[in-house]
């Protein structure tokens, strides 16, 4: 049924283009490609959610149901980043609610003049006891989603470690970059940086973390 609906949509777009001219034909093709991309993203998201649920169930069966204390989670934050200095001490907390708990930690870094520094922030969250929150936070990360307009460019990122799915975003108007990654359907990593020309820095910072060790927990 899904295939039929997609094919009908593509056919309608192409027929519309044929009736209105060559420029419209190309536009129809572009729209058809967009439909296909969204369809693939939806399928990838559905599979990612299924995989996450399976891994979470496996951890529960082993009795692994607690989030790591934030003090231990802070050990995975970068100790140094080329060109940047730590801005204060790392922050962290353990949040408990009815039926769930999770831990989070973050560290800010600065570079450049004090009156207009470049800033970078790394945040790690352990959602081991909050599967629903993890699913909400990472819904688009593993979907193979990409888009670009005058405001931003969003695309998947390969961090070179199995069990990790990442999405990077470049905000064109204010030159900000960010990367969000789901690690082993449990941890959620974000790297955010200001005064950037692209996403190269946030991707490098994420790759330099000990993600393999984190994914193995």
N, C-alpha and C. Protein backbone atom coordinates (compact mmCIF):
# COMPACT_ATOMS: atom_id res chain seq x y z
N UNK A 1 0.84 -1.21 0.00
CA UNK A 1 0.00 0.00 0.00
C UNK A 1 0.87 1.25 0.00
N UNK A 2 1.96 1.20 0.76
CA UNK A 2 2.86 2.34 0.83
C UNK A 2 3.52 2.57 -0.53
N UNK A 3 3.93 1.45 -1.20
CA UNK A 3 4.57 1.57 -2.51
C UNK A 3 3.62 2.15 -3.52
N UNK A 4 2.35 1.72 -3.50
CA UNK A 4 1.37 2.23 -4.44
C UNK A 4 1.16 3.72 -4.24
N UNK A 5 1.04 4.15 -2.99
CA UNK A 5 0.82 5.57 -2.71
C UNK A 5 1.99 6.40 -3.19
N UNK A 6 3.20 5.92 -2.96
CA UNK A 6 4.39 6.65 -3.39
C UNK A 6 4.42 6.75 -4.91
N UNK A 7 4.17 5.62 -5.61
CA UNK A 7 4.21 5.61 -7.06
C UNK A 7 3.17 6.55 -7.64
N UNK A 8 1.99 6.56 -7.06
CA UNK A 8 0.94 7.44 -7.54
C UNK A 8 1.33 8.90 -7.37
N UNK A 9 1.97 9.22 -6.26
CA UNK A 9 2.40 10.60 -6.00
C UNK A 9 3.45 11.04 -7.01
N UNK A 10 4.41 10.13 -7.28
CA UNK A 10 5.46 10.45 -8.25
C UNK A 10 4.87 10.65 -9.63
N UNK A 11 3.95 9.75 -10.04
CA UNK A 11 3.33 9.85 -11.35
C UNK A 11 2.57 11.16 -11.51
N UNK A 12 1.84 11.54 -10.47
CA UNK A 12 1.08 12.78 -10.53
C UNK A 12 2.00 13.99 -10.69
N UNK A 13 3.12 13.99 -9.96
CA UNK A 13 4.06 15.10 -10.06
C UNK A 13 4.68 15.19 -11.45
N UNK A 14 5.06 14.05 -12.02
CA UNK A 14 5.67 14.04 -13.34
C UNK A 14 4.69 14.45 -14.43
N UNK A 15 3.45 13.97 -14.32
CA UNK A 15 2.43 14.35 -15.30
C UNK A 15 2.16 15.84 -15.25
N UNK A 16 2.14 16.39 -14.05
CA UNK A 16 1.94 17.83 -13.90
C UNK A 16 3.06 18.59 -14.59
N UNK A 17 4.30 18.11 -14.42
CA UNK A 17 5.44 18.75 -15.07
C UNK A 17 5.35 18.68 -16.58
N UNK A 18 4.96 17.53 -17.12
CA UNK A 18 4.86 17.37 -18.56
C UNK A 18 3.84 18.31 -19.17
N UNK A 19 2.80 18.60 -18.44
CA UNK A 19 1.74 19.45 -18.95
C UNK A 19 2.09 20.93 -18.86
N UNK A 20 3.07 21.29 -18.06
CA UNK A 20 3.33 22.71 -17.83
C UNK A 20 4.69 23.18 -18.32
N UNK A 21 5.56 22.30 -18.81
CA UNK A 21 6.81 22.76 -19.40
C UNK A 21 8.03 22.12 -18.78
N UNK A 22 9.21 22.34 -19.41
CA UNK A 22 10.45 21.69 -19.00
C UNK A 22 10.88 22.07 -17.60
N UNK A 23 10.78 23.35 -17.24
CA UNK A 23 11.17 23.78 -15.89
C UNK A 23 10.34 23.05 -14.85
N UNK A 24 9.06 22.92 -15.14
CA UNK A 24 8.18 22.25 -14.19
C UNK A 24 8.47 20.75 -14.13
N UNK A 25 8.96 20.19 -15.25
CA UNK A 25 9.35 18.78 -15.23
C UNK A 25 10.46 18.55 -14.20
N UNK A 26 11.47 19.43 -14.23
CA UNK A 26 12.58 19.31 -13.28
C UNK A 26 12.08 19.50 -11.85
N UNK A 27 11.16 20.47 -11.67
CA UNK A 27 10.61 20.69 -10.33
C UNK A 27 9.84 19.47 -9.86
N UNK A 28 9.10 18.86 -10.80
CA UNK A 28 8.36 17.66 -10.44
C UNK A 28 9.30 16.54 -10.03
N UNK A 29 10.41 16.43 -10.75
CA UNK A 29 11.39 15.41 -10.40
C UNK A 29 11.99 15.69 -9.02
N UNK A 30 12.27 16.96 -8.75
CA UNK A 30 12.82 17.32 -7.44
C UNK A 30 11.84 16.96 -6.33
N UNK A 31 10.58 17.24 -6.56
CA UNK A 31 9.57 16.93 -5.56
C UNK A 31 9.43 15.41 -5.39
N UNK A 32 9.53 14.68 -6.51
CA UNK A 32 9.47 13.23 -6.43
C UNK A 32 10.62 12.69 -5.60
N UNK A 33 11.82 13.25 -5.82
CA UNK A 33 12.98 12.83 -5.03
C UNK A 33 12.79 13.14 -3.56
N UNK A 34 12.16 14.28 -3.28
CA UNK A 34 11.90 14.65 -1.89
C UNK A 34 10.95 13.66 -1.24
N UNK A 35 9.92 13.25 -2.00
CA UNK A 35 8.98 12.25 -1.48
C UNK A 35 9.72 10.95 -1.16
N UNK A 36 10.62 10.54 -2.08
CA UNK A 36 11.37 9.31 -1.87
C UNK A 36 12.27 9.42 -0.64
N UNK A 37 12.91 10.58 -0.47
CA UNK A 37 13.80 10.78 0.68
C UNK A 37 13.03 10.71 1.99
N UNK A 38 11.86 11.34 2.02
CA UNK A 38 11.05 11.30 3.23
C UNK A 38 10.58 9.88 3.53
N UNK A 39 10.24 9.14 2.48
CA UNK A 39 9.81 7.77 2.66
C UNK A 39 10.93 6.93 3.27
N UNK A 40 12.15 7.09 2.73
CA UNK A 40 13.29 6.34 3.26
C UNK A 40 13.59 6.76 4.69
N UNK A 41 13.49 8.06 4.98
CA UNK A 41 13.75 8.54 6.34
C UNK A 41 12.76 7.95 7.32
N UNK A 42 11.48 7.87 6.92
CA UNK A 42 10.45 7.30 7.80
C UNK A 42 10.73 5.83 8.07
N UNK A 43 11.15 5.10 7.02
CA UNK A 43 11.46 3.69 7.21
C UNK A 43 12.67 3.51 8.11
N UNK A 44 13.70 4.35 7.92
CA UNK A 44 14.89 4.27 8.76
C UNK A 44 14.56 4.60 10.21
N UNK A 45 13.69 5.58 10.43
CA UNK A 45 13.30 5.95 11.77
C UNK A 45 12.56 4.80 12.45
N UNK A 46 11.67 4.17 11.70
CA UNK A 46 10.91 3.05 12.24
C UNK A 46 11.84 1.92 12.65
N UNK A 47 12.84 1.62 11.82
CA UNK A 47 13.80 0.57 12.13
C UNK A 47 14.67 0.95 13.32
N UNK A 48 15.08 2.22 13.40
CA UNK A 48 15.90 2.69 14.51
C UNK A 48 15.16 2.56 15.84
N UNK A 49 13.88 2.91 15.84
CA UNK A 49 13.08 2.80 17.06
C UNK A 49 12.93 1.34 17.48
N UNK A 50 12.76 0.45 16.50
CA UNK A 50 12.64 -0.97 16.80
C UNK A 50 13.94 -1.50 17.39
N UNK A 51 15.08 -1.11 16.80
CA UNK A 51 16.38 -1.55 17.31
C UNK A 51 16.62 -1.03 18.73
N UNK A 52 16.24 0.22 18.96
CA UNK A 52 16.42 0.81 20.30
C UNK A 52 15.61 0.04 21.33
N UNK A 53 14.36 -0.27 21.00
CA UNK A 53 13.51 -1.01 21.92
C UNK A 53 14.09 -2.38 22.24
N UNK A 54 14.67 -3.03 21.24
CA UNK A 54 15.26 -4.35 21.44
C UNK A 54 16.45 -4.28 22.39
N UNK A 55 17.34 -3.32 22.17
CA UNK A 55 18.53 -3.19 23.04
C UNK A 55 18.14 -2.82 24.47
N UNK A 56 17.15 -1.95 24.60
CA UNK A 56 16.70 -1.57 25.93
C UNK A 56 16.11 -2.76 26.68
N UNK A 57 15.36 -3.60 25.97
CA UNK A 57 14.79 -4.80 26.58
C UNK A 57 15.90 -5.77 27.01
N UNK A 58 16.94 -5.90 26.19
CA UNK A 58 18.06 -6.77 26.53
C UNK A 58 18.78 -6.30 27.79
N UNK A 59 18.95 -4.98 27.93
CA UNK A 59 19.60 -4.46 29.14
C UNK A 59 18.74 -4.71 30.37
N UNK A 60 17.44 -4.54 30.24
CA UNK A 60 16.55 -4.79 31.38
C UNK A 60 16.62 -6.25 31.83
N UNK A 61 16.70 -7.17 30.87
CA UNK A 61 16.77 -8.59 31.21
C UNK A 61 18.05 -8.92 31.97
N UNK A 62 19.12 -8.16 31.69
CA UNK A 62 20.39 -8.36 32.39
C UNK A 62 20.44 -7.62 33.73
N UNK A 63 19.40 -6.86 34.03
CA UNK A 63 19.39 -6.09 35.26
C UNK A 63 20.08 -4.76 35.15
N UNK A 64 20.48 -4.38 33.93
CA UNK A 64 21.14 -3.10 33.70
C UNK A 64 20.06 -2.05 33.46
N UNK A 65 19.57 -1.47 34.53
CA UNK A 65 18.44 -0.54 34.42
C UNK A 65 18.74 0.84 34.96
N UNK A 66 19.93 1.06 35.47
CA UNK A 66 20.25 2.35 36.10
C UNK A 66 21.17 3.18 35.21
N UNK A 67 20.98 4.49 35.26
CA UNK A 67 21.87 5.41 34.56
C UNK A 67 23.16 5.56 35.36
N UNK A 68 24.25 5.83 34.65
CA UNK A 68 25.53 6.06 35.31
C UNK A 68 25.46 7.36 36.11
N UNK A 69 25.99 7.40 37.34
CA UNK A 69 26.04 8.67 38.08
C UNK A 69 26.76 9.73 37.27
N UNK A 70 26.30 10.97 37.38
CA UNK A 70 26.86 12.02 36.52
C UNK A 70 28.36 12.22 36.75
N UNK A 71 28.83 11.94 38.00
CA UNK A 71 30.26 12.09 38.25
C UNK A 71 31.08 11.13 37.40
N UNK A 72 30.57 9.92 37.20
CA UNK A 72 31.26 8.95 36.36
C UNK A 72 31.11 9.31 34.88
N UNK A 73 29.96 9.83 34.52
CA UNK A 73 29.70 10.22 33.13
C UNK A 73 30.64 11.36 32.70
N UNK A 74 31.02 12.21 33.65
CA UNK A 74 31.91 13.34 33.34
C UNK A 74 33.28 12.89 32.85
N UNK A 75 33.66 11.65 33.17
CA UNK A 75 34.96 11.13 32.74
C UNK A 75 35.06 11.00 31.22
N UNK A 76 33.93 11.01 30.55
CA UNK A 76 33.92 10.87 29.09
C UNK A 76 33.93 12.22 28.37
N UNK A 77 33.88 13.30 29.11
CA UNK A 77 33.98 14.63 28.51
C UNK A 77 35.42 14.90 28.07
N UNK A 78 35.62 15.70 27.04
CA UNK A 78 37.00 16.00 26.59
C UNK A 78 37.81 16.69 27.68
N UNK A 79 39.04 16.23 27.87
CA UNK A 79 39.92 16.89 28.84
C UNK A 79 40.56 18.12 28.20
N UNK A 80 40.73 18.08 26.88
CA UNK A 80 41.26 19.23 26.16
C UNK A 80 40.80 19.21 24.71
N UNK A 81 40.67 20.40 24.13
CA UNK A 81 40.30 20.56 22.73
C UNK A 81 41.24 21.57 22.13
N UNK A 82 41.84 21.23 21.01
CA UNK A 82 42.84 22.11 20.39
C UNK A 82 42.29 23.51 20.20
N UNK A 83 43.03 24.49 20.76
CA UNK A 83 42.66 25.89 20.60
C UNK A 83 41.65 26.39 21.62
N UNK A 84 41.11 25.50 22.42
CA UNK A 84 40.07 25.87 23.40
C UNK A 84 40.54 25.56 24.82
N UNK A 85 40.04 26.34 25.76
CA UNK A 85 40.30 26.12 27.17
C UNK A 85 38.98 25.88 27.90
N UNK A 86 39.04 25.09 28.95
CA UNK A 86 37.83 24.86 29.74
C UNK A 86 37.33 26.17 30.34
N UNK A 87 36.04 26.37 30.30
CA UNK A 87 35.43 27.55 30.91
C UNK A 87 34.69 27.10 32.16
N UNK A 88 35.41 27.04 33.26
CA UNK A 88 34.81 26.58 34.50
C UNK A 88 34.87 25.07 34.63
N UNK A 89 34.22 24.56 35.65
CA UNK A 89 34.19 23.13 35.93
C UNK A 89 33.03 22.46 35.20
N UNK A 90 33.13 21.14 35.01
CA UNK A 90 32.01 20.44 34.38
C UNK A 90 30.77 20.47 35.27
N UNK A 91 29.63 20.46 34.63
CA UNK A 91 28.36 20.42 35.36
C UNK A 91 27.74 19.04 35.21
N UNK A 92 26.85 18.70 36.14
CA UNK A 92 26.18 17.41 36.04
C UNK A 92 25.05 17.30 37.01
N UNK A 93 24.18 16.35 36.74
CA UNK A 93 23.04 16.14 37.64
C UNK A 93 22.43 14.78 37.38
N UNK A 94 21.69 14.31 38.36
CA UNK A 94 20.92 13.06 38.26
C UNK A 94 19.47 13.44 38.48
N UNK A 95 18.64 13.13 37.50
CA UNK A 95 17.23 13.52 37.58
C UNK A 95 16.38 12.28 37.84
N UNK A 96 15.54 12.33 38.86
CA UNK A 96 14.65 11.22 39.20
C UNK A 96 13.20 11.66 39.10
N UNK A 97 12.43 10.85 38.40
CA UNK A 97 11.00 11.07 38.29
C UNK A 97 10.29 9.74 38.46
N UNK A 98 9.00 9.76 38.57
CA UNK A 98 8.25 8.53 38.75
C UNK A 98 8.48 7.60 37.57
N UNK A 99 9.04 6.45 37.84
CA UNK A 99 9.23 5.45 36.81
C UNK A 99 10.45 5.64 35.93
N UNK A 100 11.25 6.66 36.16
CA UNK A 100 12.43 6.86 35.33
C UNK A 100 13.45 7.75 36.02
N UNK A 101 14.69 7.63 35.55
CA UNK A 101 15.75 8.52 36.02
C UNK A 101 16.79 8.59 34.92
N UNK A 102 17.53 9.70 34.88
CA UNK A 102 18.62 9.82 33.92
C UNK A 102 19.66 10.78 34.47
N UNK A 103 20.87 10.66 33.92
CA UNK A 103 21.97 11.52 34.37
C UNK A 103 22.50 12.31 33.19
N UNK A 104 23.03 13.47 33.47
CA UNK A 104 23.55 14.34 32.42
C UNK A 104 24.78 15.10 32.92
N UNK A 105 25.70 15.37 32.01
CA UNK A 105 26.86 16.18 32.35
C UNK A 105 27.25 17.02 31.15
N UNK A 106 27.95 18.11 31.38
CA UNK A 106 28.36 18.99 30.29
C UNK A 106 29.60 19.78 30.70
N UNK A 107 30.31 20.24 29.68
CA UNK A 107 31.49 21.08 29.89
C UNK A 107 31.52 22.14 28.81
N UNK A 108 31.79 23.38 29.20
CA UNK A 108 31.92 24.47 28.24
C UNK A 108 33.40 24.79 28.02
N UNK A 109 33.72 25.26 26.81
CA UNK A 109 35.08 25.62 26.44
C UNK A 109 35.04 26.96 25.70
N UNK A 110 36.15 27.70 25.78
CA UNK A 110 36.22 29.00 25.11
C UNK A 110 37.56 29.17 24.39
N UNK A 111 37.54 29.99 23.33
CA UNK A 111 38.76 30.31 22.60
C UNK A 111 38.65 31.72 22.07
N UNK A 112 39.79 32.39 21.90
CA UNK A 112 39.76 33.73 21.35
C UNK A 112 39.65 34.80 22.42
N UNK A 113 39.41 36.03 22.00
CA UNK A 113 39.37 37.17 22.94
C UNK A 113 38.20 37.07 23.92
N UNK A 114 38.41 37.60 25.12
CA UNK A 114 37.38 37.51 26.15
C UNK A 114 36.11 38.28 25.79
N UNK A 115 36.26 39.35 24.99
CA UNK A 115 35.09 40.16 24.67
C UNK A 115 34.23 39.55 23.55
N UNK A 116 34.79 38.58 22.83
CA UNK A 116 34.00 37.92 21.79
C UNK A 116 34.55 36.51 21.55
N UNK A 117 34.46 35.65 22.55
CA UNK A 117 35.08 34.32 22.43
C UNK A 117 34.27 33.37 21.56
N UNK A 118 34.97 32.43 20.96
CA UNK A 118 34.31 31.29 20.33
C UNK A 118 33.99 30.31 21.46
N UNK A 119 32.79 29.80 21.49
CA UNK A 119 32.39 28.89 22.56
C UNK A 119 32.06 27.51 22.01
N UNK A 120 32.26 26.52 22.85
CA UNK A 120 31.94 25.14 22.49
C UNK A 120 31.42 24.44 23.73
N UNK A 121 30.42 23.61 23.56
CA UNK A 121 29.84 22.90 24.70
C UNK A 121 29.59 21.44 24.32
N UNK A 122 30.00 20.55 25.21
CA UNK A 122 29.78 19.12 25.03
C UNK A 122 28.85 18.63 26.14
N UNK A 123 27.81 17.91 25.77
CA UNK A 123 26.84 17.38 26.74
C UNK A 123 26.64 15.89 26.48
N UNK A 124 26.63 15.11 27.55
CA UNK A 124 26.36 13.68 27.45
C UNK A 124 25.23 13.34 28.42
N UNK A 125 24.24 12.61 27.93
CA UNK A 125 23.11 12.19 28.76
C UNK A 125 23.00 10.67 28.72
N UNK A 126 22.80 10.07 29.88
CA UNK A 126 22.57 8.62 29.97
C UNK A 126 21.08 8.40 30.21
N UNK A 127 20.39 7.88 29.19
CA UNK A 127 18.95 7.65 29.27
C UNK A 127 18.63 6.18 29.58
N UNK A 128 19.52 5.46 30.24
CA UNK A 128 19.32 4.03 30.46
C UNK A 128 18.01 3.72 31.18
N UNK A 129 17.57 4.62 32.05
CA UNK A 129 16.33 4.40 32.79
C UNK A 129 15.20 5.28 32.29
N UNK A 130 15.36 5.81 31.09
CA UNK A 130 14.32 6.70 30.54
C UNK A 130 14.24 6.49 29.02
N UNK A 131 13.81 5.29 28.65
CA UNK A 131 13.78 4.92 27.24
C UNK A 131 12.92 5.86 26.41
N UNK A 132 11.81 6.30 26.97
CA UNK A 132 10.92 7.19 26.24
C UNK A 132 11.58 8.52 25.92
N UNK A 133 12.35 9.05 26.86
CA UNK A 133 13.04 10.32 26.63
C UNK A 133 14.14 10.15 25.59
N UNK A 134 14.82 9.01 25.62
CA UNK A 134 15.85 8.75 24.61
C UNK A 134 15.24 8.71 23.22
N UNK A 135 14.13 8.01 23.09
CA UNK A 135 13.47 7.90 21.80
C UNK A 135 13.07 9.27 21.26
N UNK A 136 12.55 10.12 22.14
CA UNK A 136 12.15 11.47 21.72
C UNK A 136 13.36 12.30 21.31
N UNK A 137 14.45 12.18 22.05
CA UNK A 137 15.64 12.99 21.78
C UNK A 137 16.32 12.59 20.47
N UNK A 138 16.26 11.31 20.12
CA UNK A 138 17.02 10.82 18.97
C UNK A 138 16.14 10.43 17.79
N UNK A 139 14.89 10.85 17.78
CA UNK A 139 13.95 10.40 16.75
C UNK A 139 14.47 10.60 15.34
N UNK A 140 15.11 11.75 15.05
CA UNK A 140 15.58 12.05 13.70
C UNK A 140 17.03 11.66 13.45
N UNK A 141 17.76 11.36 14.53
CA UNK A 141 19.20 11.13 14.39
C UNK A 141 19.51 9.93 13.50
N UNK A 142 18.78 8.85 13.70
CA UNK A 142 19.05 7.64 12.93
C UNK A 142 18.20 7.47 11.71
N UNK A 143 17.54 8.54 11.26
CA UNK A 143 16.58 8.41 10.17
C UNK A 143 17.18 8.63 8.79
N UNK A 144 18.48 8.93 8.71
CA UNK A 144 19.07 9.23 7.41
C UNK A 144 18.50 10.50 6.82
N UNK A 145 18.15 11.44 7.68
CA UNK A 145 17.48 12.67 7.28
C UNK A 145 18.48 13.71 6.80
N UNK A 146 18.12 14.46 5.76
CA UNK A 146 18.94 15.59 5.32
C UNK A 146 18.05 16.66 4.73
N UNK A 147 18.44 17.91 4.89
CA UNK A 147 17.71 19.03 4.31
C UNK A 147 18.60 20.26 4.31
N UNK A 148 18.28 21.20 3.44
CA UNK A 148 19.02 22.46 3.40
C UNK A 148 18.11 23.56 2.89
N UNK A 149 18.21 24.72 3.54
CA UNK A 149 17.52 25.92 3.07
C UNK A 149 18.41 27.11 3.39
N UNK A 150 17.87 28.31 3.33
CA UNK A 150 18.68 29.51 3.57
C UNK A 150 19.09 29.65 5.03
N UNK A 151 18.43 28.92 5.92
CA UNK A 151 18.70 29.05 7.34
C UNK A 151 19.69 28.02 7.86
N UNK A 152 19.61 26.80 7.34
CA UNK A 152 20.42 25.74 7.91
C UNK A 152 20.65 24.60 6.93
N UNK A 153 21.65 23.79 7.24
CA UNK A 153 21.93 22.57 6.49
C UNK A 153 22.03 21.43 7.49
N UNK A 154 21.26 20.38 7.26
CA UNK A 154 21.21 19.25 8.18
C UNK A 154 21.54 17.98 7.40
N UNK A 155 22.41 17.14 7.97
CA UNK A 155 22.75 15.89 7.30
C UNK A 155 23.31 14.89 8.30
N UNK A 156 23.28 13.62 7.91
CA UNK A 156 23.84 12.57 8.75
C UNK A 156 25.36 12.71 8.80
N UNK A 157 25.95 12.23 9.89
CA UNK A 157 27.40 12.28 10.06
C UNK A 157 27.92 10.90 10.45
N UNK A 158 29.03 10.51 9.88
CA UNK A 158 29.66 9.23 10.20
C UNK A 158 30.80 9.47 11.18
N UNK A 159 30.66 8.92 12.38
CA UNK A 159 31.69 9.10 13.40
C UNK A 159 32.65 7.92 13.46
N UNK A 160 32.47 6.95 12.59
CA UNK A 160 33.42 5.86 12.47
C UNK A 160 33.36 4.82 13.56
N UNK A 161 32.27 4.78 14.35
CA UNK A 161 32.14 3.80 15.43
C UNK A 161 30.78 3.14 15.30
N UNK A 162 30.76 1.80 15.35
CA UNK A 162 29.51 1.08 15.26
C UNK A 162 28.59 1.38 16.44
N UNK A 163 27.29 1.32 16.20
CA UNK A 163 26.33 1.57 17.26
C UNK A 163 26.08 3.04 17.53
N UNK A 164 26.61 3.91 16.65
CA UNK A 164 26.46 5.35 16.83
C UNK A 164 25.85 5.96 15.57
N UNK A 165 24.80 6.73 15.75
CA UNK A 165 24.15 7.44 14.65
C UNK A 165 24.16 8.92 14.97
N UNK A 166 24.56 9.74 14.00
CA UNK A 166 24.75 11.16 14.29
C UNK A 166 24.12 12.02 13.21
N UNK A 167 23.73 13.22 13.63
CA UNK A 167 23.15 14.21 12.74
C UNK A 167 23.81 15.54 13.03
N UNK A 168 24.34 16.21 11.99
CA UNK A 168 25.00 17.50 12.19
C UNK A 168 24.21 18.61 11.52
N UNK A 169 24.25 19.79 12.13
CA UNK A 169 23.48 20.93 11.63
C UNK A 169 24.37 22.16 11.60
N UNK A 170 24.31 22.89 10.48
CA UNK A 170 25.01 24.17 10.40
C UNK A 170 23.98 25.27 10.21
N UNK A 171 23.99 26.24 11.14
CA UNK A 171 23.06 27.36 11.10
C UNK A 171 23.73 28.52 10.37
N UNK A 172 23.30 28.77 9.16
CA UNK A 172 24.00 29.68 8.26
C UNK A 172 23.97 31.13 8.72
N UNK A 173 22.86 31.57 9.28
CA UNK A 173 22.70 32.98 9.60
C UNK A 173 23.60 33.42 10.76
N UNK A 174 23.71 32.60 11.79
CA UNK A 174 24.53 33.00 12.94
C UNK A 174 25.79 32.15 13.10
N UNK A 175 26.13 31.36 12.08
CA UNK A 175 27.39 30.63 12.04
C UNK A 175 27.58 29.72 13.26
N UNK A 176 26.54 29.00 13.59
CA UNK A 176 26.62 28.00 14.66
C UNK A 176 26.64 26.61 14.05
N UNK A 177 27.29 25.68 14.75
CA UNK A 177 27.33 24.29 14.31
C UNK A 177 26.97 23.40 15.49
N UNK A 178 26.28 22.31 15.20
CA UNK A 178 25.95 21.37 16.26
C UNK A 178 25.94 19.95 15.71
N UNK A 179 26.20 19.02 16.58
CA UNK A 179 26.13 17.60 16.24
C UNK A 179 25.41 16.87 17.35
N UNK A 180 24.48 16.01 16.99
CA UNK A 180 23.75 15.19 17.96
C UNK A 180 23.96 13.73 17.58
N UNK A 181 24.25 12.90 18.58
CA UNK A 181 24.52 11.50 18.30
C UNK A 181 23.87 10.61 19.34
N UNK A 182 23.27 9.53 18.87
CA UNK A 182 22.75 8.49 19.75
C UNK A 182 23.78 7.38 19.84
N UNK A 183 24.15 6.99 21.05
CA UNK A 183 25.21 6.00 21.26
C UNK A 183 24.61 4.75 21.90
N UNK A 184 24.61 3.66 21.14
CA UNK A 184 24.17 2.36 21.64
C UNK A 184 22.75 2.40 22.20
N UNK A 185 21.91 3.25 21.62
CA UNK A 185 20.50 3.37 22.04
C UNK A 185 20.37 3.60 23.55
N UNK A 186 21.32 4.36 24.07
CA UNK A 186 21.31 4.67 25.50
C UNK A 186 21.80 6.07 25.80
N UNK A 187 22.96 6.44 25.26
CA UNK A 187 23.55 7.75 25.53
C UNK A 187 23.21 8.73 24.40
N UNK A 188 23.09 10.00 24.77
CA UNK A 188 22.82 11.04 23.79
C UNK A 188 23.90 12.11 23.95
N UNK A 189 24.64 12.33 22.87
CA UNK A 189 25.76 13.28 22.87
C UNK A 189 25.41 14.48 22.01
N UNK A 190 25.71 15.68 22.51
CA UNK A 190 25.59 16.88 21.69
C UNK A 190 26.87 17.70 21.80
N UNK A 191 27.30 18.25 20.67
CA UNK A 191 28.45 19.16 20.60
C UNK A 191 27.97 20.40 19.87
N UNK A 192 28.12 21.56 20.51
CA UNK A 192 27.64 22.82 19.94
C UNK A 192 28.78 23.84 19.93
N UNK A 193 28.92 24.58 18.82
CA UNK A 193 30.01 25.55 18.71
C UNK A 193 29.54 26.81 18.00
N UNK A 194 30.05 27.95 18.43
CA UNK A 194 29.73 29.23 17.80
C UNK A 194 30.88 29.68 16.89
N UNK A 195 30.58 30.68 16.05
CA UNK A 195 31.56 31.28 15.14
C UNK A 195 32.26 30.22 14.27
N UNK A 196 31.45 29.41 13.61
CA UNK A 196 31.98 28.36 12.75
C UNK A 196 31.58 28.59 11.29
N UNK A 197 32.41 28.10 10.38
CA UNK A 197 32.12 28.19 8.96
C UNK A 197 31.50 26.90 8.42
N UNK A 198 31.57 25.84 9.22
CA UNK A 198 31.01 24.55 8.82
C UNK A 198 30.89 23.68 10.07
N UNK A 199 30.66 22.38 9.87
CA UNK A 199 30.49 21.47 11.01
C UNK A 199 31.74 20.64 11.30
N UNK A 200 32.86 21.00 10.71
CA UNK A 200 34.08 20.21 10.85
C UNK A 200 34.52 20.08 12.31
N UNK A 201 34.49 21.19 13.05
CA UNK A 201 34.96 21.15 14.44
C UNK A 201 34.09 20.25 15.31
N UNK A 202 32.77 20.41 15.25
CA UNK A 202 31.90 19.60 16.13
C UNK A 202 32.03 18.13 15.80
N UNK A 203 32.22 17.82 14.51
CA UNK A 203 32.40 16.41 14.12
C UNK A 203 33.72 15.87 14.68
N UNK A 204 34.78 16.67 14.59
CA UNK A 204 36.09 16.24 15.09
C UNK A 204 36.06 16.02 16.59
N UNK A 205 35.43 16.94 17.32
CA UNK A 205 35.34 16.81 18.77
C UNK A 205 34.61 15.53 19.13
N UNK A 206 33.52 15.24 18.44
CA UNK A 206 32.76 14.01 18.71
C UNK A 206 33.61 12.77 18.42
N UNK A 207 34.34 12.78 17.31
CA UNK A 207 35.17 11.64 16.95
C UNK A 207 36.30 11.41 17.95
N UNK A 208 36.81 12.51 18.55
CA UNK A 208 37.94 12.40 19.48
C UNK A 208 37.53 11.84 20.84
N UNK A 209 36.23 11.82 21.12
CA UNK A 209 35.77 11.24 22.38
C UNK A 209 35.94 9.72 22.34
N UNK A 210 35.98 9.10 23.51
CA UNK A 210 36.10 7.65 23.58
C UNK A 210 34.72 7.02 23.39
N UNK A 211 34.19 7.19 22.17
CA UNK A 211 32.83 6.73 21.91
C UNK A 211 32.74 5.20 21.90
N UNK A 212 33.82 4.54 21.48
CA UNK A 212 33.80 3.10 21.48
C UNK A 212 33.60 2.53 22.88
N UNK A 213 34.28 3.11 23.86
CA UNK A 213 34.13 2.65 25.24
C UNK A 213 32.73 2.95 25.76
N UNK A 214 32.22 4.13 25.41
CA UNK A 214 30.88 4.51 25.84
C UNK A 214 29.85 3.57 25.21
N UNK A 215 30.03 3.25 23.93
CA UNK A 215 29.09 2.37 23.24
C UNK A 215 29.10 0.97 23.82
N UNK A 216 30.23 0.60 24.45
CA UNK A 216 30.34 -0.74 24.99
C UNK A 216 29.70 -0.93 26.35
N UNK A 217 29.24 0.15 26.97
CA UNK A 217 28.64 0.04 28.30
C UNK A 217 27.23 -0.54 28.22
